[in-house]
PDB file of N, CA and C in Angstrom:
ATOM      1  N   UNK A   1     107.568 114.108 137.977  1.00  0.00           N
ATOM      2  CA  UNK A   1     107.274 112.806 137.458  1.00  0.00           C
ATOM      3  C   UNK A   1     107.913 112.661 136.077  1.00  0.00           C
ATOM      4  N   UNK A   2     108.582 111.542 135.839  1.00  0.00           N
ATOM      5  CA  UNK A   2     109.261 111.314 134.582  1.00  0.00           C
ATOM      6  C   UNK A   2     108.300 110.689 133.581  1.00  0.00           C
ATOM      7  N   UNK A   3     108.268 111.272 132.398  1.00  0.00           N
ATOM      8  CA  UNK A   3     107.401 110.743 131.354  1.00  0.00           C
ATOM      9  C   UNK A   3     108.241 109.992 130.328  1.00  0.00           C
ATOM     10  N   UNK A   4     107.566 109.272 129.467  1.00  0.00           N
ATOM     11  CA  UNK A   4     108.286 108.517 128.440  1.00  0.00           C
ATOM     12  C   UNK A   4     108.907 109.445 127.395  1.00  0.00           C
ATOM     13  N   UNK A   5     108.388 110.651 127.262  1.00  0.00           N
ATOM     14  CA  UNK A   5     108.936 111.591 126.286  1.00  0.00           C
ATOM     15  C   UNK A   5     110.303 112.119 126.699  1.00  0.00           C
ATOM     16  N   UNK A   6     110.614 112.120 127.991  1.00  0.00           N
ATOM     17  CA  UNK A   6     111.904 112.632 128.424  1.00  0.00           C
ATOM     18  C   UNK A   6     113.042 111.708 128.007  1.00  0.00           C
ATOM     19  N   UNK A   7     112.756 110.435 127.732  1.00  0.00           N
ATOM     20  CA  UNK A   7     113.775 109.487 127.291  1.00  0.00           C
ATOM     21  C   UNK A   7     113.803 109.339 125.775  1.00  0.00           C
ATOM     22  N   UNK A   8     112.927 110.017 125.084  1.00  0.00           N
ATOM     23  CA  UNK A   8     112.823 109.869 123.636  1.00  0.00           C
ATOM     24  C   UNK A   8     114.117 110.212 122.908  1.00  0.00           C
ATOM     25  N   UNK A   9     114.776 111.328 123.210  1.00  0.00           N
ATOM     26  CA  UNK A   9     116.023 111.624 122.479  1.00  0.00           C
ATOM     27  C   UNK A   9     117.105 110.570 122.706  1.00  0.00           C
ATOM     28  N   UNK A  10     117.195 110.030 123.901  1.00  0.00           N
ATOM     29  CA  UNK A  10     118.215 109.021 124.182  1.00  0.00           C
ATOM     30  C   UNK A  10     117.941 107.736 123.406  1.00  0.00           C
ATOM     31  N   UNK A  11     116.701 107.311 123.363  1.00  0.00           N
ATOM     32  CA  UNK A  11     116.350 106.088 122.635  1.00  0.00           C
ATOM     33  C   UNK A  11     116.567 106.289 121.138  1.00  0.00           C
ATOM     34  N   UNK A  12     116.160 107.432 120.633  1.00  0.00           N
ATOM     35  CA  UNK A  12     116.341 107.720 119.214  1.00  0.00           C
ATOM     36  C   UNK A  12     117.823 107.764 118.856  1.00  0.00           C
ATOM     37  N   UNK A  13     118.623 108.375 119.702  1.00  0.00           N
ATOM     38  CA  UNK A  13     120.061 108.438 119.466  1.00  0.00           C
ATOM     39  C   UNK A  13     120.679 107.047 119.466  1.00  0.00           C
ATOM     40  N   UNK A  14     120.268 106.206 120.407  1.00  0.00           N
ATOM     41  CA  UNK A  14     120.791 104.836 120.448  1.00  0.00           C
ATOM     42  C   UNK A  14     120.396 104.045 119.205  1.00  0.00           C
ATOM     43  N   UNK A  15     119.163 104.224 118.760  1.00  0.00           N
ATOM     44  CA  UNK A  15     118.735 103.528 117.542  1.00  0.00           C
ATOM     45  C   UNK A  15     119.550 103.968 116.335  1.00  0.00           C
ATOM     46  N   UNK A  16     119.813 105.272 116.231  1.00  0.00           N
ATOM     47  CA  UNK A  16     120.639 105.776 115.127  1.00  0.00           C
ATOM     48  C   UNK A  16     122.058 105.232 115.216  1.00  0.00           C
ATOM     49  N   UNK A  17     122.609 105.173 116.421  1.00  0.00           N
ATOM     50  CA  UNK A  17     123.966 104.659 116.584  1.00  0.00           C
ATOM     51  C   UNK A  17     124.059 103.183 116.202  1.00  0.00           C
ATOM     52  N   UNK A  18     123.085 102.385 116.625  1.00  0.00           N
ATOM     53  CA  UNK A  18     123.073 100.973 116.255  1.00  0.00           C
ATOM     54  C   UNK A  18     122.879 100.800 114.748  1.00  0.00           C
ATOM     55  N   UNK A  19     122.033 101.630 114.159  1.00  0.00           N
ATOM     56  CA  UNK A  19     121.821 101.570 112.714  1.00  0.00           C
ATOM     57  C   UNK A  19     123.119 101.878 111.965  1.00  0.00           C
ATOM     58  N   UNK A  20     123.794 102.952 112.367  1.00  0.00           N
ATOM     59  CA  UNK A  20     125.036 103.329 111.708  1.00  0.00           C
ATOM     60  C   UNK A  20     126.151 102.310 111.948  1.00  0.00           C
ATOM     61  N   UNK A  21     126.199 101.749 113.147  1.00  0.00           N
ATOM     62  CA  UNK A  21     127.208 100.720 113.436  1.00  0.00           C
ATOM     63  C   UNK A  21     126.969  99.477 112.588  1.00  0.00           C
ATOM     64  N   UNK A  22     125.721  99.095 112.422  1.00  0.00           N
ATOM     65  CA  UNK A  22     125.402  97.947 111.580  1.00  0.00           C
ATOM     66  C   UNK A  22     125.774  98.190 110.123  1.00  0.00           C
ATOM     67  N   UNK A  23     125.472  99.384 109.640  1.00  0.00           N
ATOM     68  CA  UNK A  23     125.809  99.718 108.256  1.00  0.00           C
ATOM     69  C   UNK A  23     127.324  99.783 108.056  1.00  0.00           C
ATOM     70  N   UNK A  24     128.023 100.381 109.001  1.00  0.00           N
ATOM     71  CA  UNK A  24     129.477 100.474 108.905  1.00  0.00           C
ATOM     72  C   UNK A  24     130.119  99.093 108.972  1.00  0.00           C
ATOM     73  N   UNK A  25     129.615  98.237 109.840  1.00  0.00           N
ATOM     74  CA  UNK A  25     130.141  96.876 109.936  1.00  0.00           C
ATOM     75  C   UNK A  25     129.937  96.132 108.628  1.00  0.00           C
ATOM     76  N   UNK A  26     128.803  96.318 108.010  1.00  0.00           N
ATOM     77  CA  UNK A  26     128.520  95.648 106.749  1.00  0.00           C
ATOM     78  C   UNK A  26     129.458  96.137 105.651  1.00  0.00           C
ATOM     79  N   UNK A  27     129.668  97.420 105.552  1.00  0.00           N
ATOM     80  CA  UNK A  27     130.532  97.973 104.501  1.00  0.00           C
ATOM     81  C   UNK A  27     131.990  97.595 104.749  1.00  0.00           C
ATOM     82  N   UNK A  28     132.462  97.816 105.956  1.00  0.00           N
ATOM     83  CA  UNK A  28     133.855  97.504 106.277  1.00  0.00           C
ATOM     84  C   UNK A  28     134.097  96.002 106.176  1.00  0.00           C
ATOM     85  N   UNK A  29     133.123  95.215 106.609  1.00  0.00           N
ATOM     86  CA  UNK A  29     133.257  93.769 106.515  1.00  0.00           C
ATOM     87  C   UNK A  29     133.358  93.278 105.084  1.00  0.00           C
ATOM     88  N   UNK A  30     132.634  93.922 104.192  1.00  0.00           N
ATOM     89  CA  UNK A  30     132.697  93.539 102.788  1.00  0.00           C
ATOM     90  C   UNK A  30     134.069  93.861 102.204  1.00  0.00           C
ATOM     91  N   UNK A  31     134.636  94.985 102.596  1.00  0.00           N
ATOM     92  CA  UNK A  31     135.937  95.392 102.068  1.00  0.00           C
ATOM     93  C   UNK A  31     137.080  94.570 102.653  1.00  0.00           C
ATOM     94  N   UNK A  32     136.935  94.120 103.893  1.00  0.00           N
ATOM     95  CA  UNK A  32     138.021  93.407 104.556  1.00  0.00           C
ATOM     96  C   UNK A  32     137.864  91.897 104.516  1.00  0.00           C
ATOM     97  N   UNK A  33     136.779  91.401 103.987  1.00  0.00           N
ATOM     98  CA  UNK A  33     136.583  89.967 103.897  1.00  0.00           C
ATOM     99  C   UNK A  33     136.066  89.332 105.179  1.00  0.00           C
ATOM    100  N   UNK A  34     135.294  90.076 105.954  1.00  0.00           N
ATOM    101  CA  UNK A  34     134.712  89.551 107.183  1.00  0.00           C
ATOM    102  C   UNK A  34     133.759  88.405 106.860  1.00  0.00           C
ATOM    103  N   UNK A  35     133.626  87.490 107.791  1.00  0.00           N
ATOM    104  CA  UNK A  35     132.721  86.361 107.615  1.00  0.00           C
ATOM    105  C   UNK A  35     131.305  86.860 107.327  1.00  0.00           C
ATOM    106  N   UNK A  36     130.645  86.194 106.412  1.00  0.00           N
ATOM    107  CA  UNK A  36     129.321  86.630 105.963  1.00  0.00           C
ATOM    108  C   UNK A  36     128.273  86.562 107.079  1.00  0.00           C
ATOM    109  N   UNK A  37     128.447  85.650 108.020  1.00  0.00           N
ATOM    110  CA  UNK A  37     127.491  85.526 109.125  1.00  0.00           C
ATOM    111  C   UNK A  37     127.420  86.819 109.934  1.00  0.00           C
ATOM    112  N   UNK A  38     128.566  87.403 110.231  1.00  0.00           N
ATOM    113  CA  UNK A  38     128.592  88.647 111.005  1.00  0.00           C
ATOM    114  C   UNK A  38     127.985  89.802 110.218  1.00  0.00           C
ATOM    115  N   UNK A  39     128.220  89.810 108.922  1.00  0.00           N
ATOM    116  CA  UNK A  39     127.643  90.873 108.103  1.00  0.00           C
ATOM    117  C   UNK A  39     126.129  90.753 108.021  1.00  0.00           C
ATOM    118  N   UNK A  40     125.613  89.522 107.967  1.00  0.00           N
ATOM    119  CA  UNK A  40     124.164  89.326 107.929  1.00  0.00           C
ATOM    120  C   UNK A  40     123.540  89.757 109.253  1.00  0.00           C
ATOM    121  N   UNK A  41     124.195  89.444 110.362  1.00  0.00           N
ATOM    122  CA  UNK A  41     123.704  89.876 111.679  1.00  0.00           C
ATOM    123  C   UNK A  41     123.705  91.398 111.765  1.00  0.00           C
ATOM    124  N   UNK A  42     124.786  92.032 111.300  1.00  0.00           N
ATOM    125  CA  UNK A  42     124.865  93.496 111.323  1.00  0.00           C
ATOM    126  C   UNK A  42     123.777  94.114 110.446  1.00  0.00           C
ATOM    127  N   UNK A  43     123.508  93.497 109.305  1.00  0.00           N
ATOM    128  CA  UNK A  43     122.442  94.002 108.427  1.00  0.00           C
ATOM    129  C   UNK A  43     121.075  93.861 109.082  1.00  0.00           C
ATOM    130  N   UNK A  44     120.863  92.752 109.776  1.00  0.00           N
ATOM    131  CA  UNK A  44     119.595  92.551 110.477  1.00  0.00           C
ATOM    132  C   UNK A  44     119.382  93.563 111.583  1.00  0.00           C
ATOM    133  N   UNK A  45     120.443  93.834 112.334  1.00  0.00           N
ATOM    134  CA  UNK A  45     120.354  94.837 113.400  1.00  0.00           C
ATOM    135  C   UNK A  45     120.068  96.212 112.800  1.00  0.00           C
ATOM    136  N   UNK A  46     120.754  96.534 111.715  1.00  0.00           N
ATOM    137  CA  UNK A  46     120.519  97.821 111.052  1.00  0.00           C
ATOM    138  C   UNK A  46     119.102  97.947 110.523  1.00  0.00           C
ATOM    139  N   UNK A  47     118.595  96.881 109.921  1.00  0.00           N
ATOM    140  CA  UNK A  47     117.230  96.908 109.384  1.00  0.00           C
ATOM    141  C   UNK A  47     116.204  97.043 110.510  1.00  0.00           C
ATOM    142  N   UNK A  48     116.422  96.320 111.606  1.00  0.00           N
ATOM    143  CA  UNK A  48     115.507  96.414 112.746  1.00  0.00           C
ATOM    144  C   UNK A  48     115.497  97.832 113.321  1.00  0.00           C
ATOM    145  N   UNK A  49     116.670  98.428 113.464  1.00  0.00           N
ATOM    146  CA  UNK A  49     116.742  99.796 113.981  1.00  0.00           C
ATOM    147  C   UNK A  49     116.059 100.779 113.042  1.00  0.00           C
ATOM    148  N   UNK A  50     116.229 100.587 111.747  1.00  0.00           N
ATOM    149  CA  UNK A  50     115.579 101.477 110.784  1.00  0.00           C
ATOM    150  C   UNK A  50     114.060 101.370 110.885  1.00  0.00           C
ATOM    151  N   UNK A  51     113.546 100.159 110.999  1.00  0.00           N
ATOM    152  CA  UNK A  51     112.098  99.972 111.146  1.00  0.00           C
ATOM    153  C   UNK A  51     111.611 100.645 112.431  1.00  0.00           C
ATOM    154  N   UNK A  52     112.344 100.470 113.521  1.00  0.00           N
ATOM    155  CA  UNK A  52     111.943 101.097 114.785  1.00  0.00           C
ATOM    156  C   UNK A  52     111.994 102.616 114.700  1.00  0.00           C
ATOM    157  N   UNK A  53     112.971 103.158 114.011  1.00  0.00           N
ATOM    158  CA  UNK A  53     113.043 104.616 113.832  1.00  0.00           C
ATOM    159  C   UNK A  53     111.858 105.132 113.016  1.00  0.00           C
ATOM    160  N   UNK A  54     111.471 104.408 111.988  1.00  0.00           N
ATOM    161  CA  UNK A  54     110.317 104.817 111.182  1.00  0.00           C
ATOM    162  C   UNK A  54     109.037 104.747 112.001  1.00  0.00           C
ATOM    163  N   UNK A  55     108.874 103.677 112.778  1.00  0.00           N
ATOM    164  CA  UNK A  55     107.682 103.543 113.621  1.00  0.00           C
ATOM    165  C   UNK A  55     107.631 104.672 114.643  1.00  0.00           C
ATOM    166  N   UNK A  56     108.777 104.971 115.271  1.00  0.00           N
ATOM    167  CA  UNK A  56     108.806 106.063 116.254  1.00  0.00           C
ATOM    168  C   UNK A  56     108.452 107.400 115.604  1.00  0.00           C
ATOM    169  N   UNK A  57     108.962 107.640 114.396  1.00  0.00           N
ATOM    170  CA  UNK A  57     108.659 108.880 113.696  1.00  0.00           C
ATOM    171  C   UNK A  57     107.166 108.997 113.401  1.00  0.00           C
ATOM    172  N   UNK A  58     106.590 107.913 112.908  1.00  0.00           N
ATOM    173  CA  UNK A  58     105.167 107.949 112.552  1.00  0.00           C
ATOM    174  C   UNK A  58     104.275 108.108 113.785  1.00  0.00           C
ATOM    175  N   UNK A  59     104.627 107.482 114.909  1.00  0.00           N
ATOM    176  CA  UNK A  59     103.809 107.615 116.109  1.00  0.00           C
ATOM    177  C   UNK A  59     103.923 109.022 116.709  1.00  0.00           C
ATOM    178  N   UNK A  60     105.112 109.618 116.640  1.00  0.00           N
ATOM    179  CA  UNK A  60     105.253 110.990 117.138  1.00  0.00           C
ATOM    180  C   UNK A  60     104.527 111.971 116.229  1.00  0.00           C
ATOM    181  N   UNK A  61     104.502 111.686 114.949  1.00  0.00           N
ATOM    182  CA  UNK A  61     103.838 112.566 113.995  1.00  0.00           C
ATOM    183  C   UNK A  61     102.323 112.565 114.204  1.00  0.00           C
ATOM    184  N   UNK A  62     101.758 111.396 114.522  1.00  0.00           N
ATOM    185  CA  UNK A  62     100.327 111.297 114.745  1.00  0.00           C
ATOM    186  C   UNK A  62      99.920 111.889 116.092  1.00  0.00           C
ATOM    187  N   UNK A  63     100.783 111.716 117.081  1.00  0.00           N
ATOM    188  CA  UNK A  63     100.452 112.120 118.442  1.00  0.00           C
ATOM    189  C   UNK A  63     100.706 113.537 118.676  1.00  0.00           C
TER     190      UNK A  63
END
């Protein structure tokens, strides 16, 4: 039987990848003059992923 813990590393890895992609897009976009709308979206995605990573860490720590 598959439990939710068996998918935990994959979800955590995806969250880290999205967080890093958002941060990289924001930095590279600032240097290259990317439209501010895309940078704000990338920052929002990065912030959301960071919040989800913190929540996942705290729930695993308690459990």
